[in-house]
Protein backbone atom coordinates (compact mmCIF):
# COMPACT_ATOMS: atom_id res chain seq x y z
CA MET A 1 2.01 0.06 20.08
CA ILE A 2 3.82 1.78 17.20
CA ALA A 3 4.75 0.86 13.62
CA PRO A 4 8.31 -0.55 13.63
CA HIS A 5 8.98 0.49 10.00
CA SER A 6 7.58 2.88 7.43
CA ILE A 7 5.15 1.25 4.99
CA GLY A 8 4.55 2.56 1.51
CA ILE A 9 3.95 1.84 -2.15
CA GLU A 10 6.27 2.17 -5.12
CA SER A 11 5.76 5.19 -7.34
CA VAL A 12 6.45 5.14 -11.10
CA ASP A 13 9.99 6.49 -10.58
CA GLY A 14 10.97 3.72 -8.14
CA LYS A 15 10.62 5.92 -5.08
CA MET A 16 8.76 4.94 -1.94
CA HIS A 17 5.54 6.83 -1.29
CA VAL A 18 5.19 6.44 2.49
CA LEU A 19 1.65 5.83 3.69
CA LEU A 20 2.40 4.97 7.32
CA ALA A 21 5.57 6.38 8.85
CA LYS A 22 7.80 4.53 11.29
CA GLY A 23 6.54 5.27 14.78
CA ALA A 24 2.89 5.71 13.77
CA VAL A 25 0.57 4.86 16.65
CA LEU A 26 -1.39 1.67 15.94
CA PRO A 27 -4.02 0.98 14.82
CA ALA A 28 -3.41 3.27 11.84
CA SER A 29 -4.61 3.65 8.27
CA ALA A 30 -3.83 5.77 5.25
CA SER A 31 -5.06 6.15 1.67
CA VAL A 32 -3.73 7.53 -1.60
CA LYS A 33 -5.25 7.95 -5.07
CA CYS A 34 -3.43 6.09 -7.83
CA THR A 35 -3.83 5.91 -11.59
CA ALA A 36 -2.65 3.46 -14.21
CA ALA A 37 0.63 4.34 -15.93
CA SER A 38 -1.17 4.31 -19.29
CA ALA A 39 -4.81 4.54 -20.35
CA GLU A 40 -4.03 1.76 -22.83
CA LEU A 41 -3.20 -0.60 -19.95
CA PRO A 42 -5.99 -0.29 -17.36
CA GLN A 43 -4.06 -1.86 -14.49
CA ILE A 44 -2.43 -0.49 -11.38
CA PHE A 45 0.51 -2.58 -10.19
CA ILE A 46 0.67 -2.19 -6.42
CA GLN A 47 3.87 -3.08 -4.60
CA LEU A 48 3.93 -2.58 -0.84
CA PHE A 49 7.26 -2.07 0.92
CA GLU A 50 8.56 -1.56 4.43
CA GLY A 51 11.73 0.36 5.22
CA GLU A 52 13.19 3.80 5.61
CA SER A 53 14.91 4.41 2.25
CA ASP A 54 13.47 6.76 -0.36
CA ASN A 55 14.30 4.10 -2.98
CA VAL A 56 12.14 0.98 -2.92
CA LYS A 57 15.04 -1.18 -4.10
CA ASP A 58 16.61 -0.61 -0.67
CA ASN A 59 13.43 -1.56 1.22
CA ARG A 60 11.74 -4.93 1.76
CA LEU A 61 8.89 -5.95 -0.57
CA ILE A 62 6.07 -7.29 1.62
CA ALA A 63 3.17 -7.65 -0.84
CA LYS A 64 2.12 -7.03 -4.41
CA CYS A 65 -1.11 -7.18 -6.35
CA VAL A 66 -2.83 -5.79 -9.44
CA ALA A 67 -5.97 -3.66 -9.55
CA HIS A 68 -7.64 -3.94 -12.95
CA THR A 69 -8.80 -0.35 -13.33
CA LEU A 70 -7.55 3.05 -14.53
CA ALA A 71 -7.86 4.72 -11.11
CA ALA A 72 -8.22 3.54 -7.54
CA VAL A 73 -7.82 4.61 -3.94
CA ILE A 74 -5.24 2.43 -2.22
CA THR A 75 -5.86 2.04 1.51
CA ILE A 76 -3.66 0.28 4.03
CA GLU A 77 -4.60 -0.50 7.60
CA LEU A 78 -2.20 -1.77 10.26
CA SER A 79 -3.71 -3.23 13.44
CA GLU A 80 -2.20 -3.17 16.92
CA GLN A 81 -1.44 -6.89 16.46
CA GLY A 82 0.50 -6.22 13.25
CA ALA A 83 -2.07 -7.45 10.71
CA LEU A 84 -1.78 -5.43 7.50
CA LYS A 85 -4.76 -5.01 5.18
CA LEU A 86 -4.48 -3.49 1.69
CA THR A 87 -7.47 -2.60 -0.46
CA ALA A 88 -7.79 -0.92 -3.84
CA HIS A 89 -11.27 0.52 -4.33
CA ASN A 90 -13.16 3.29 -6.07
CA GLU A 91 -13.63 6.59 -4.22
CA SER A 92 -17.08 5.72 -2.88
CA LYS A 93 -15.79 2.29 -1.70
CA SER A 94 -18.69 0.67 -3.55
CA GLU A 95 -16.36 -1.41 -5.72
CA THR A 96 -13.18 -3.22 -4.63
CA TYR A 97 -10.56 -4.01 -7.29
CA ALA A 98 -8.04 -5.84 -5.09
CA ALA A 99 -7.71 -6.79 -1.43
CA MET A 100 -5.33 -8.73 0.79
CA THR A 101 -4.54 -9.21 4.46
CA LEU A 102 -1.13 -10.17 5.81
CA GLU A 103 -1.02 -11.64 9.29
CA PRO A 104 2.06 -11.12 11.49
CA HIS A 105 4.53 -13.97 11.98
CA ALA A 106 4.06 -15.91 15.20
């Protein structure tokens, strides 16, 4: 099975940072390091999109969450059945700041 759409997160400039490209063989996973926009606000706002546009406003928002930290590794995993798991954790994976799982529609 393959990913039907690209999946990525929004960058500060409103662009889509693709983590899993359309056509990726499933199961698949990808990670990216992220930092808070400001040291004065220790939060990373994570918005997950699917679509093929470089601009997130043209793609479909599928999930959002907040990681209360200055830096995190964002990991997404997409199963063969279409379940999507997002985690925000420290580099050693010893601490998780945010996590969610989205099950596919029946």
